[in-house]
Amino acid sequence: MEGEMILFDTDSFIELMRGNALVAACAREVGMDSVYINPVIKAEIQFKAVDKNDLKRVNARLDAFPVIPFDDDISDRFSNIFERYTLSHRPGVADMLIAATAV
């Protein structure tokens, strides 16, 4: 994983898959080969599938993007930022996992 890596959040990635012109332009500007996802983003997008055929279609589109796996560094970062912000901001677990991956 060398070079610039852009991690879109789930909503932005869904808009990219829907063909939102503004999001697509942003992705093209940074380079589609720089756009990554993580397991949470992948699962949240798969969760929106309505049947097996839709899930196959979604997975085919997701396969074009590298997945940043959770490792010890991301897990530690997640624990730290979640503990830091859980009482003051009540963040969602999925959002904090995405944030930890992005950092």
PDB file of N, CA and C in Angstrom:
ATOM      1  N   MET A   1       0.839  -1.179   0.000  1.00  0.00           N
ATOM      2  CA  MET A   1       0.000   0.000   0.000  1.00  0.00           C
ATOM      3  C   MET A   1       0.885   1.244   0.000  1.00  0.00           C
ATOM      4  N   GLU A   2       1.423   1.558  -1.133  1.00  0.00           N
ATOM      5  CA  GLU A   2       2.276   2.723  -1.258  1.00  0.00           C
ATOM      6  C   GLU A   2       1.514   3.850  -1.930  1.00  0.00           C
ATOM      7  N   GLY A   3       2.029   5.076  -1.774  1.00  0.00           N
ATOM      8  CA  GLY A   3       1.399   6.216  -2.407  1.00  0.00           C
ATOM      9  C   GLY A   3       0.235   6.744  -1.592  1.00  0.00           C
ATOM     10  N   GLU A   4      -0.474   7.671  -2.207  1.00  0.00           N
ATOM     11  CA  GLU A   4      -1.606   8.301  -1.534  1.00  0.00           C
ATOM     12  C   GLU A   4      -2.775   7.332  -1.439  1.00  0.00           C
ATOM     13  N   MET A   5      -3.375   7.296  -0.263  1.00  0.00           N
ATOM     14  CA  MET A   5      -4.534   6.440  -0.026  1.00  0.00           C
ATOM     15  C   MET A   5      -5.676   7.314   0.474  1.00  0.00           C
ATOM     16  N   ILE A   6      -6.829   7.187  -0.168  1.00  0.00           N
ATOM     17  CA  ILE A   6      -8.014   7.938   0.223  1.00  0.00           C
ATOM     18  C   ILE A   6      -9.054   6.941   0.718  1.00  0.00           C
ATOM     19  N   LEU A   7      -9.515   7.152   1.935  1.00  0.00           N
ATOM     20  CA  LEU A   7     -10.544   6.293   2.506  1.00  0.00           C
ATOM     21  C   LEU A   7     -11.844   7.078   2.534  1.00  0.00           C
ATOM     22  N   PHE A   8     -12.755   6.737   1.630  1.00  0.00           N
ATOM     23  CA  PHE A   8     -14.070   7.375   1.629  1.00  0.00           C
ATOM     24  C   PHE A   8     -14.890   6.795   2.769  1.00  0.00           C
ATOM     25  N   ASP A   9     -15.716   7.622   3.414  1.00  0.00           N
ATOM     26  CA  ASP A   9     -16.642   7.052   4.383  1.00  0.00           C
ATOM     27  C   ASP A   9     -17.766   6.348   3.619  1.00  0.00           C
ATOM     28  N   THR A  10     -18.596   5.628   4.331  1.00  0.00           N
ATOM     29  CA  THR A  10     -19.613   4.799   3.688  1.00  0.00           C
ATOM     30  C   THR A  10     -20.558   5.620   2.825  1.00  0.00           C
ATOM     31  N   ASP A  11     -21.050   6.738   3.355  1.00  0.00           N
ATOM     32  CA  ASP A  11     -21.995   7.557   2.582  1.00  0.00           C
ATOM     33  C   ASP A  11     -21.369   8.073   1.289  1.00  0.00           C
ATOM     34  N   SER A  12     -20.129   8.541   1.370  1.00  0.00           N
ATOM     35  CA  SER A  12     -19.441   9.026   0.164  1.00  0.00           C
ATOM     36  C   SER A  12     -19.229   7.895  -0.828  1.00  0.00           C
ATOM     37  N   PHE A  13     -18.878   6.723  -0.319  1.00  0.00           N
ATOM     38  CA  PHE A  13     -18.640   5.590  -1.205  1.00  0.00           C
ATOM     39  C   PHE A  13     -19.937   5.154  -1.888  1.00  0.00           C
ATOM     40  N   ILE A  14     -21.031   5.172  -1.159  1.00  0.00           N
ATOM     41  CA  ILE A  14     -22.327   4.834  -1.757  1.00  0.00           C
ATOM     42  C   ILE A  14     -22.665   5.836  -2.863  1.00  0.00           C
ATOM     43  N   GLU A  15     -22.405   7.105  -2.608  1.00  0.00           N
ATOM     44  CA  GLU A  15     -22.656   8.122  -3.630  1.00  0.00           C
ATOM     45  C   GLU A  15     -21.763   7.895  -4.850  1.00  0.00           C
ATOM     46  N   LEU A  16     -20.541   7.473  -4.635  1.00  0.00           N
ATOM     47  CA  LEU A  16     -19.653   7.143  -5.752  1.00  0.00           C
ATOM     48  C   LEU A  16     -20.233   5.997  -6.569  1.00  0.00           C
ATOM     49  N   MET A  17     -20.726   4.966  -5.893  1.00  0.00           N
ATOM     50  CA  MET A  17     -21.309   3.813  -6.579  1.00  0.00           C
ATOM     51  C   MET A  17     -22.598   4.194  -7.310  1.00  0.00           C
ATOM     52  N   ARG A  18     -23.312   5.191  -6.801  1.00  0.00           N
ATOM     53  CA  ARG A  18     -24.553   5.643  -7.446  1.00  0.00           C
ATOM     54  C   ARG A  18     -24.279   6.557  -8.639  1.00  0.00           C
ATOM     55  N   GLY A  19     -23.020   6.952  -8.797  1.00  0.00           N
ATOM     56  CA  GLY A  19     -22.667   7.809  -9.916  1.00  0.00           C
ATOM     57  C   GLY A  19     -22.813   9.292  -9.638  1.00  0.00           C
ATOM     58  N   ASN A  20     -22.835   9.675  -8.366  1.00  0.00           N
ATOM     59  CA  ASN A  20     -22.905  11.099  -8.016  1.00  0.00           C
ATOM     60  C   ASN A  20     -21.741  11.823  -8.686  1.00  0.00           C
ATOM     61  N   ALA A  21     -22.056  12.799  -9.541  1.00  0.00           N
ATOM     62  CA  ALA A  21     -21.042  13.468 -10.354  1.00  0.00           C
ATOM     63  C   ALA A  21     -19.980  14.171  -9.511  1.00  0.00           C
ATOM     64  N   LEU A  22     -20.384  14.817  -8.436  1.00  0.00           N
ATOM     65  CA  LEU A  22     -19.434  15.543  -7.591  1.00  0.00           C
ATOM     66  C   LEU A  22     -18.460  14.579  -6.905  1.00  0.00           C
ATOM     67  N   VAL A  23     -18.986  13.492  -6.357  1.00  0.00           N
ATOM     68  CA  VAL A  23     -18.147  12.506  -5.680  1.00  0.00           C
ATOM     69  C   VAL A  23     -17.249  11.795  -6.694  1.00  0.00           C
ATOM     70  N   ALA A  24     -17.803  11.476  -7.853  1.00  0.00           N
ATOM     71  CA  ALA A  24     -17.012  10.825  -8.905  1.00  0.00           C
ATOM     72  C   ALA A  24     -15.879  11.733  -9.366  1.00  0.00           C
ATOM     73  N   ALA A  25     -16.149  13.028  -9.482  1.00  0.00           N
ATOM     74  CA  ALA A  25     -15.105  13.975  -9.884  1.00  0.00           C
ATOM     75  C   ALA A  25     -13.992  14.032  -8.839  1.00  0.00           C
ATOM     76  N   CYS A  26     -14.371  14.003  -7.592  1.00  0.00           N
ATOM     77  CA  CYS A  26     -13.386  13.998  -6.504  1.00  0.00           C
ATOM     78  C   CYS A  26     -12.528  12.728  -6.575  1.00  0.00           C
ATOM     79  N   ALA A  27     -13.172  11.596  -6.789  1.00  0.00           N
ATOM     80  CA  ALA A  27     -12.445  10.325  -6.883  1.00  0.00           C
ATOM     81  C   ALA A  27     -11.502  10.325  -8.082  1.00  0.00           C
ATOM     82  N   ARG A  28     -11.974  10.861  -9.198  1.00  0.00           N
ATOM     83  CA  ARG A  28     -11.107  10.944 -10.387  1.00  0.00           C
ATOM     84  C   ARG A  28      -9.925  11.872 -10.136  1.00  0.00           C
ATOM     85  N   GLU A  29     -10.180  12.969  -9.401  1.00  0.00           N
ATOM     86  CA  GLU A  29      -9.123  13.937  -9.119  1.00  0.00           C
ATOM     87  C   GLU A  29      -7.999  13.315  -8.298  1.00  0.00           C
ATOM     88  N   VAL A  30      -8.358  12.525  -7.296  1.00  0.00           N
ATOM     89  CA  VAL A  30      -7.318  11.885  -6.477  1.00  0.00           C
ATOM     90  C   VAL A  30      -6.794  10.612  -7.133  1.00  0.00           C
ATOM     91  N   GLY A  31      -7.556  10.094  -8.085  1.00  0.00           N
ATOM     92  CA  GLY A  31      -7.169   8.864  -8.775  1.00  0.00           C
ATOM     93  C   GLY A  31      -7.915   7.682  -8.190  1.00  0.00           C
ATOM     94  N   MET A  32      -8.690   7.026  -9.007  1.00  0.00           N
ATOM     95  CA  MET A  32      -9.499   5.895  -8.525  1.00  0.00           C
ATOM     96  C   MET A  32      -8.633   4.812  -7.898  1.00  0.00           C
ATOM     97  N   ASP A  33      -7.379   4.700  -8.335  1.00  0.00           N
ATOM     98  CA  ASP A  33      -6.499   3.683  -7.753  1.00  0.00           C
ATOM     99  C   ASP A  33      -6.024   4.068  -6.359  1.00  0.00           C
ATOM    100  N   SER A  34      -6.355   5.279  -5.909  1.00  0.00           N
ATOM    101  CA  SER A  34      -6.011   5.721  -4.558  1.00  0.00           C
ATOM    102  C   SER A  34      -7.157   5.531  -3.576  1.00  0.00           C
ATOM    103  N   VAL A  35      -8.338   5.126  -4.076  1.00  0.00           N
ATOM    104  CA  VAL A  35      -9.526   4.990  -3.224  1.00  0.00           C
ATOM    105  C   VAL A  35      -9.542   3.593  -2.605  1.00  0.00           C
ATOM    106  N   TYR A  36      -9.615   3.560  -1.285  1.00  0.00           N
ATOM    107  CA  TYR A  36      -9.629   2.325  -0.510  1.00  0.00           C
ATOM    108  C   TYR A  36     -10.903   2.266   0.334  1.00  0.00           C
ATOM    109  N   ILE A  37     -11.198   1.067   0.817  1.00  0.00           N
ATOM    110  CA  ILE A  37     -12.266   0.879   1.791  1.00  0.00           C
ATOM    111  C   ILE A  37     -11.702   0.041   2.933  1.00  0.00           C
ATOM    112  N   ASN A  38     -12.457  -0.071   4.005  1.00  0.00           N
ATOM    113  CA  ASN A  38     -12.069  -0.983   5.082  1.00  0.00           C
ATOM    114  C   ASN A  38     -13.208  -1.975   5.297  1.00  0.00           C
ATOM    115  N   PRO A  39     -13.031  -2.968   6.163  1.00  0.00           N
ATOM    116  CA  PRO A  39     -14.085  -3.975   6.334  1.00  0.00           C
ATOM    117  C   PRO A  39     -15.430  -3.418   6.791  1.00  0.00           C
ATOM    118  N   VAL A  40     -15.433  -2.343   7.563  1.00  0.00           N
ATOM    119  CA  VAL A  40     -16.698  -1.748   8.016  1.00  0.00           C
ATOM    120  C   VAL A  40     -17.442  -1.131   6.844  1.00  0.00           C
ATOM    121  N   ILE A  41     -16.727  -0.379   6.025  1.00  0.00           N
ATOM    122  CA  ILE A  41     -17.354   0.246   4.860  1.00  0.00           C
ATOM    123  C   ILE A  41     -17.914  -0.843   3.949  1.00  0.00           C
ATOM    124  N   LYS A  42     -17.126  -1.876   3.710  1.00  0.00           N
ATOM    125  CA  LYS A  42     -17.577  -2.983   2.862  1.00  0.00           C
ATOM    126  C   LYS A  42     -18.854  -3.615   3.422  1.00  0.00           C
ATOM    127  N   ALA A  43     -18.864  -3.899   4.716  1.00  0.00           N
ATOM    128  CA  ALA A  43     -20.027  -4.532   5.336  1.00  0.00           C
ATOM    129  C   ALA A  43     -21.247  -3.616   5.309  1.00  0.00           C
ATOM    130  N   GLU A  44     -21.062  -2.315   5.565  1.00  0.00           N
ATOM    131  CA  GLU A  44     -22.202  -1.395   5.551  1.00  0.00           C
ATOM    132  C   GLU A  44     -22.813  -1.301   4.153  1.00  0.00           C
ATOM    133  N   ILE A  45     -21.982  -1.367   3.131  1.00  0.00           N
ATOM    134  CA  ILE A  45     -22.501  -1.324   1.767  1.00  0.00           C
ATOM    135  C   ILE A  45     -23.188  -2.640   1.423  1.00  0.00           C
ATOM    136  N   GLN A  46     -22.589  -3.757   1.805  1.00  0.00           N
ATOM    137  CA  GLN A  46     -23.212  -5.061   1.556  1.00  0.00           C
ATOM    138  C   GLN A  46     -24.553  -5.174   2.278  1.00  0.00           C
ATOM    139  N   PHE A  47     -24.656  -4.574   3.430  1.00  0.00           N
ATOM    140  CA  PHE A  47     -25.875  -4.638   4.234  1.00  0.00           C
ATOM    141  C   PHE A  47     -27.071  -4.032   3.500  1.00  0.00           C
ATOM    142  N   LYS A  48     -26.812  -3.118   2.594  1.00  0.00           N
ATOM    143  CA  LYS A  48     -27.887  -2.459   1.849  1.00  0.00           C
ATOM    144  C   LYS A  48     -28.412  -3.297   0.689  1.00  0.00           C
ATOM    145  N   ALA A  49     -27.750  -4.414   0.388  1.00  0.00           N
ATOM    146  CA  ALA A  49     -28.228  -5.279  -0.697  1.00  0.00           C
ATOM    147  C   ALA A  49     -29.600  -5.841  -0.335  1.00  0.00           C
ATOM    148  N   VAL A  50     -30.461  -5.972  -1.351  1.00  0.00           N
ATOM    149  CA  VAL A  50     -31.829  -6.406  -1.100  1.00  0.00           C
ATOM    150  C   VAL A  50     -32.061  -7.888  -1.400  1.00  0.00           C
ATOM    151  N   ASP A  51     -31.165  -8.493  -2.183  1.00  0.00           N
ATOM    152  CA  ASP A  51     -31.292  -9.918  -2.479  1.00  0.00           C
ATOM    153  C   ASP A  51     -29.933 -10.447  -2.951  1.00  0.00           C
ATOM    154  N   LYS A  52     -29.859 -11.741  -3.266  1.00  0.00           N
ATOM    155  CA  LYS A  52     -28.583 -12.348  -3.649  1.00  0.00           C
ATOM    156  C   LYS A  52     -28.003 -11.726  -4.918  1.00  0.00           C
ATOM    157  N   ASN A  53     -28.852 -11.434  -5.874  1.00  0.00           N
ATOM    158  CA  ASN A  53     -28.371 -10.819  -7.114  1.00  0.00           C
ATOM    159  C   ASN A  53     -27.804  -9.428  -6.853  1.00  0.00           C
ATOM    160  N   ASP A  54     -28.476  -8.671  -6.025  1.00  0.00           N
ATOM    161  CA  ASP A  54     -27.994  -7.338  -5.684  1.00  0.00           C
ATOM    162  C   ASP A  54     -26.669  -7.441  -4.933  1.00  0.00           C
ATOM    163  N   LEU A  55     -26.555  -8.401  -4.028  1.00  0.00           N
ATOM    164  CA  LEU A  55     -25.305  -8.589  -3.286  1.00  0.00           C
ATOM    165  C   LEU A  55     -24.163  -8.957  -4.238  1.00  0.00           C
ATOM    166  N   LYS A  56     -24.439  -9.792  -5.233  1.00  0.00           N
ATOM    167  CA  LYS A  56     -23.416 -10.121  -6.232  1.00  0.00           C
ATOM    168  C   LYS A  56     -22.972  -8.870  -6.987  1.00  0.00           C
ATOM    169  N   ARG A  57     -23.932  -8.041  -7.365  1.00  0.00           N
ATOM    170  CA  ARG A  57     -23.626  -6.804  -8.084  1.00  0.00           C
ATOM    171  C   ARG A  57     -22.798  -5.866  -7.209  1.00  0.00           C
ATOM    172  N   VAL A  58     -23.189  -5.743  -5.956  1.00  0.00           N
ATOM    173  CA  VAL A  58     -22.466  -4.889  -5.011  1.00  0.00           C
ATOM    174  C   VAL A  58     -21.045  -5.409  -4.827  1.00  0.00           C
ATOM    175  N   ASN A  59     -20.906  -6.715  -4.626  1.00  0.00           N
ATOM    176  CA  ASN A  59     -19.579  -7.292  -4.416  1.00  0.00           C
ATOM    177  C   ASN A  59     -18.682  -7.117  -5.631  1.00  0.00           C
ATOM    178  N   ALA A  60     -19.257  -7.214  -6.814  1.00  0.00           N
ATOM    179  CA  ALA A  60     -18.474  -7.015  -8.037  1.00  0.00           C
ATOM    180  C   ALA A  60     -17.923  -5.589  -8.089  1.00  0.00           C
ATOM    181  N   ARG A  61     -18.709  -4.634  -7.656  1.00  0.00           N
ATOM    182  CA  ARG A  61     -18.235  -3.239  -7.636  1.00  0.00           C
ATOM    183  C   ARG A  61     -17.229  -3.023  -6.522  1.00  0.00           C
ATOM    184  N   LEU A  62     -17.455  -3.661  -5.371  1.00  0.00           N
ATOM    185  CA  LEU A  62     -16.521  -3.515  -4.253  1.00  0.00           C
ATOM    186  C   LEU A  62     -15.164  -4.136  -4.559  1.00  0.00           C
ATOM    187  N   ASP A  63     -15.164  -5.189  -5.362  1.00  0.00           N
ATOM    188  CA  ASP A  63     -13.911  -5.884  -5.679  1.00  0.00           C
ATOM    189  C   ASP A  63     -12.908  -4.979  -6.386  1.00  0.00           C
ATOM    190  N   ALA A  64     -13.362  -3.876  -6.940  1.00  0.00           N
ATOM    191  CA  ALA A  64     -12.468  -2.951  -7.638  1.00  0.00           C
ATOM    192  C   ALA A  64     -11.647  -2.094  -6.668  1.00  0.00           C
ATOM    193  N   PHE A  65     -11.979  -2.154  -5.376  1.00  0.00           N
ATOM    194  CA  PHE A  65     -11.316  -1.295  -4.408  1.00  0.00           C
ATOM    195  C   PHE A  65     -10.572  -2.120  -3.371  1.00  0.00           C
ATOM    196  N   PRO A  66      -9.306  -1.783  -3.119  1.00  0.00           N
ATOM    197  CA  PRO A  66      -8.544  -2.503  -2.101  1.00  0.00           C
ATOM    198  C   PRO A  66      -9.148  -2.267  -0.708  1.00  0.00           C
ATOM    199  N   VAL A  67      -9.075  -3.292   0.117  1.00  0.00           N
ATOM    200  CA  VAL A  67      -9.578  -3.219   1.492  1.00  0.00           C
ATOM    201  C   VAL A  67      -8.387  -3.106   2.437  1.00  0.00           C
ATOM    202  N   ILE A  68      -8.395  -2.081   3.269  1.00  0.00           N
ATOM    203  CA  ILE A  68      -7.371  -1.935   4.299  1.00  0.00           C
ATOM    204  C   ILE A  68      -7.801  -2.805   5.477  1.00  0.00           C
ATOM    205  N   PRO A  69      -7.056  -3.858   5.771  1.00  0.00           N
ATOM    206  CA  PRO A  69      -7.466  -4.750   6.866  1.00  0.00           C
ATOM    207  C   PRO A  69      -7.201  -4.110   8.230  1.00  0.00           C
ATOM    208  N   PHE A  70      -7.973  -4.524   9.201  1.00  0.00           N
ATOM    209  CA  PHE A  70      -7.706  -4.082  10.564  1.00  0.00           C
ATOM    210  C   PHE A  70      -6.459  -4.809  11.054  1.00  0.00           C
ATOM    211  N   ASP A  71      -5.543  -4.060  11.609  1.00  0.00           N
ATOM    212  CA  ASP A  71      -4.339  -4.657  12.172  1.00  0.00           C
ATOM    213  C   ASP A  71      -4.200  -4.167  13.615  1.00  0.00           C
ATOM    214  N   ASP A  72      -3.097  -4.513  14.257  1.00  0.00           N
ATOM    215  CA  ASP A  72      -2.915  -4.121  15.655  1.00  0.00           C
ATOM    216  C   ASP A  72      -2.883  -2.604  15.825  1.00  0.00           C
ATOM    217  N   ASP A  73      -2.231  -1.895  14.894  1.00  0.00           N
ATOM    218  CA  ASP A  73      -2.161  -0.434  14.997  1.00  0.00           C
ATOM    219  C   ASP A  73      -3.545   0.198  14.908  1.00  0.00           C
ATOM    220  N   ILE A  74      -4.343  -0.252  13.949  1.00  0.00           N
ATOM    221  CA  ILE A  74      -5.695   0.295  13.798  1.00  0.00           C
ATOM    222  C   ILE A  74      -6.547  -0.058  15.017  1.00  0.00           C
ATOM    223  N   SER A  75      -6.403  -1.265  15.514  1.00  0.00           N
ATOM    224  CA  SER A  75      -7.167  -1.671  16.711  1.00  0.00           C
ATOM    225  C   SER A  75      -6.808  -0.820  17.916  1.00  0.00           C
ATOM    226  N   ASP A  76      -5.511  -0.584  18.115  1.00  0.00           N
ATOM    227  CA  ASP A  76      -5.080   0.259  19.240  1.00  0.00           C
ATOM    228  C   ASP A  76      -5.570   1.687  19.081  1.00  0.00           C
ATOM    229  N   ARG A  77      -5.471   2.210  17.855  1.00  0.00           N
ATOM    230  CA  ARG A  77      -5.925   3.571  17.579  1.00  0.00           C
ATOM    231  C   ARG A  77      -7.423   3.677  17.831  1.00  0.00           C
ATOM    232  N   PHE A  78      -8.181   2.670  17.377  1.00  0.00           N
ATOM    233  CA  PHE A  78      -9.627   2.643  17.612  1.00  0.00           C
ATOM    234  C   PHE A  78      -9.925   2.711  19.106  1.00  0.00           C
ATOM    235  N   SER A  79      -9.266   1.859  19.871  1.00  0.00           N
ATOM    236  CA  SER A  79      -9.511   1.833  21.323  1.00  0.00           C
ATOM    237  C   SER A  79      -9.229   3.187  21.954  1.00  0.00           C
ATOM    238  N   ASN A  80      -8.149   3.800  21.547  1.00  0.00           N
ATOM    239  CA  ASN A  80      -7.767   5.093  22.126  1.00  0.00           C
ATOM    240  C   ASN A  80      -8.755   6.199  21.773  1.00  0.00           C
ATOM    241  N   ILE A  81      -9.107   6.312  20.495  1.00  0.00           N
ATOM    242  CA  ILE A  81     -10.009   7.410  20.131  1.00  0.00           C
ATOM    243  C   ILE A  81     -11.429   7.152  20.623  1.00  0.00           C
ATOM    244  N   PHE A  82     -11.830   5.885  20.655  1.00  0.00           N
ATOM    245  CA  PHE A  82     -13.170   5.597  21.158  1.00  0.00           C
ATOM    246  C   PHE A  82     -13.273   5.950  22.635  1.00  0.00           C
ATOM    247  N   GLU A  83     -12.267   5.546  23.400  1.00  0.00           N
ATOM    248  CA  GLU A  83     -12.273   5.864  24.831  1.00  0.00           C
ATOM    249  C   GLU A  83     -12.223   7.374  25.053  1.00  0.00           C
ATOM    250  N   ARG A  84     -11.459   8.061  24.229  1.00  0.00           N
ATOM    251  CA  ARG A  84     -11.315   9.512  24.383  1.00  0.00           C
ATOM    252  C   ARG A  84     -12.629  10.251  24.112  1.00  0.00           C
ATOM    253  N   TYR A  85     -13.399   9.791  23.121  1.00  0.00           N
ATOM    254  CA  TYR A  85     -14.583  10.536  22.691  1.00  0.00           C
ATOM    255  C   TYR A  85     -15.924   9.917  23.066  1.00  0.00           C
ATOM    256  N   THR A  86     -15.928   8.732  23.649  1.00  0.00           N
ATOM    257  CA  THR A  86     -17.203   8.049  23.877  1.00  0.00           C
ATOM    258  C   THR A  86     -18.138   8.818  24.801  1.00  0.00           C
ATOM    259  N   LEU A  87     -17.636   9.402  25.848  1.00  0.00           N
ATOM    260  CA  LEU A  87     -18.512  10.114  26.777  1.00  0.00           C
ATOM    261  C   LEU A  87     -18.899  11.498  26.266  1.00  0.00           C
ATOM    262  N   SER A  88     -17.982  12.182  25.613  1.00  0.00           N
ATOM    263  CA  SER A  88     -18.267  13.552  25.185  1.00  0.00           C
ATOM    264  C   SER A  88     -19.051  13.632  23.876  1.00  0.00           C
ATOM    265  N   HIS A  89     -18.840  12.659  22.968  1.00  0.00           N
ATOM    266  CA  HIS A  89     -19.452  12.761  21.644  1.00  0.00           C
ATOM    267  C   HIS A  89     -20.380  11.598  21.288  1.00  0.00           C
ATOM    268  N   ARG A  90     -20.339  10.523  22.056  1.00  0.00           N
ATOM    269  CA  ARG A  90     -21.162   9.326  21.805  1.00  0.00           C
ATOM    270  C   ARG A  90     -21.023   8.845  20.359  1.00  0.00           C
ATOM    271  N   PRO A  91     -19.783   8.592  19.912  1.00  0.00           N
ATOM    272  CA  PRO A  91     -19.580   8.179  18.516  1.00  0.00           C
ATOM    273  C   PRO A  91     -20.079   6.757  18.279  1.00  0.00           C
ATOM    274  N   GLY A  92     -20.387   6.473  17.035  1.00  0.00           N
ATOM    275  CA  GLY A  92     -20.754   5.119  16.656  1.00  0.00           C
ATOM    276  C   GLY A  92     -19.500   4.267  16.515  1.00  0.00           C
ATOM    277  N   VAL A  93     -19.609   3.010  16.842  1.00  0.00           N
ATOM    278  CA  VAL A  93     -18.468   2.095  16.748  1.00  0.00           C
ATOM    279  C   VAL A  93     -17.952   2.041  15.309  1.00  0.00           C
ATOM    280  N   ALA A  94     -18.851   1.885  14.348  1.00  0.00           N
ATOM    281  CA  ALA A  94     -18.438   1.791  12.947  1.00  0.00           C
ATOM    282  C   ALA A  94     -17.704   3.069  12.514  1.00  0.00           C
ATOM    283  N   ASP A  95     -18.228   4.222  12.898  1.00  0.00           N
ATOM    284  CA  ASP A  95     -17.587   5.479  12.532  1.00  0.00           C
ATOM    285  C   ASP A  95     -16.190   5.588  13.130  1.00  0.00           C
ATOM    286  N   MET A  96     -16.019   5.126  14.341  1.00  0.00           N
ATOM    287  CA  MET A  96     -14.697   5.195  14.977  1.00  0.00           C
ATOM    288  C   MET A  96     -13.722   4.198  14.344  1.00  0.00           C
ATOM    289  N   LEU A  97     -14.211   3.055  13.894  1.00  0.00           N
ATOM    290  CA  LEU A  97     -13.343   2.116  13.183  1.00  0.00           C
ATOM    291  C   LEU A  97     -12.888   2.701  11.852  1.00  0.00           C
ATOM    292  N   ILE A  98     -13.795   3.390  11.174  1.00  0.00           N
ATOM    293  CA  ILE A  98     -13.419   4.060   9.927  1.00  0.00           C
ATOM    294  C   ILE A  98     -12.411   5.171  10.215  1.00  0.00           C
ATOM    295  N   ALA A  99     -12.651   5.943  11.260  1.00  0.00           N
ATOM    296  CA  ALA A  99     -11.721   7.025  11.625  1.00  0.00           C
ATOM    297  C   ALA A  99     -10.352   6.466  11.981  1.00  0.00           C
ATOM    298  N   ALA A 100     -10.310   5.402  12.748  1.00  0.00           N
ATOM    299  CA  ALA A 100      -9.030   4.801  13.140  1.00  0.00           C
ATOM    300  C   ALA A 100      -8.276   4.305  11.911  1.00  0.00           C
ATOM    301  N   THR A 101      -8.992   3.785  10.942  1.00  0.00           N
ATOM    302  CA  THR A 101      -8.356   3.334   9.702  1.00  0.00           C
ATOM    303  C   THR A 101      -7.816   4.527   8.933  1.00  0.00           C
ATOM    304  N   ALA A 102      -8.578   5.597   8.877  1.00  0.00           N
ATOM    305  CA  ALA A 102      -8.177   6.774   8.125  1.00  0.00           C
ATOM    306  C   ALA A 102      -6.914   7.417   8.714  1.00  0.00           C
ATOM    307  N   VAL A 103      -6.844   7.445  10.025  1.00  0.00           N
ATOM    308  CA  VAL A 103      -5.670   8.051  10.677  1.00  0.00           C
ATOM    309  C   VAL A 103      -4.453   7.216  10.380  1.00  0.00           C
TER     310      VAL A 103
END
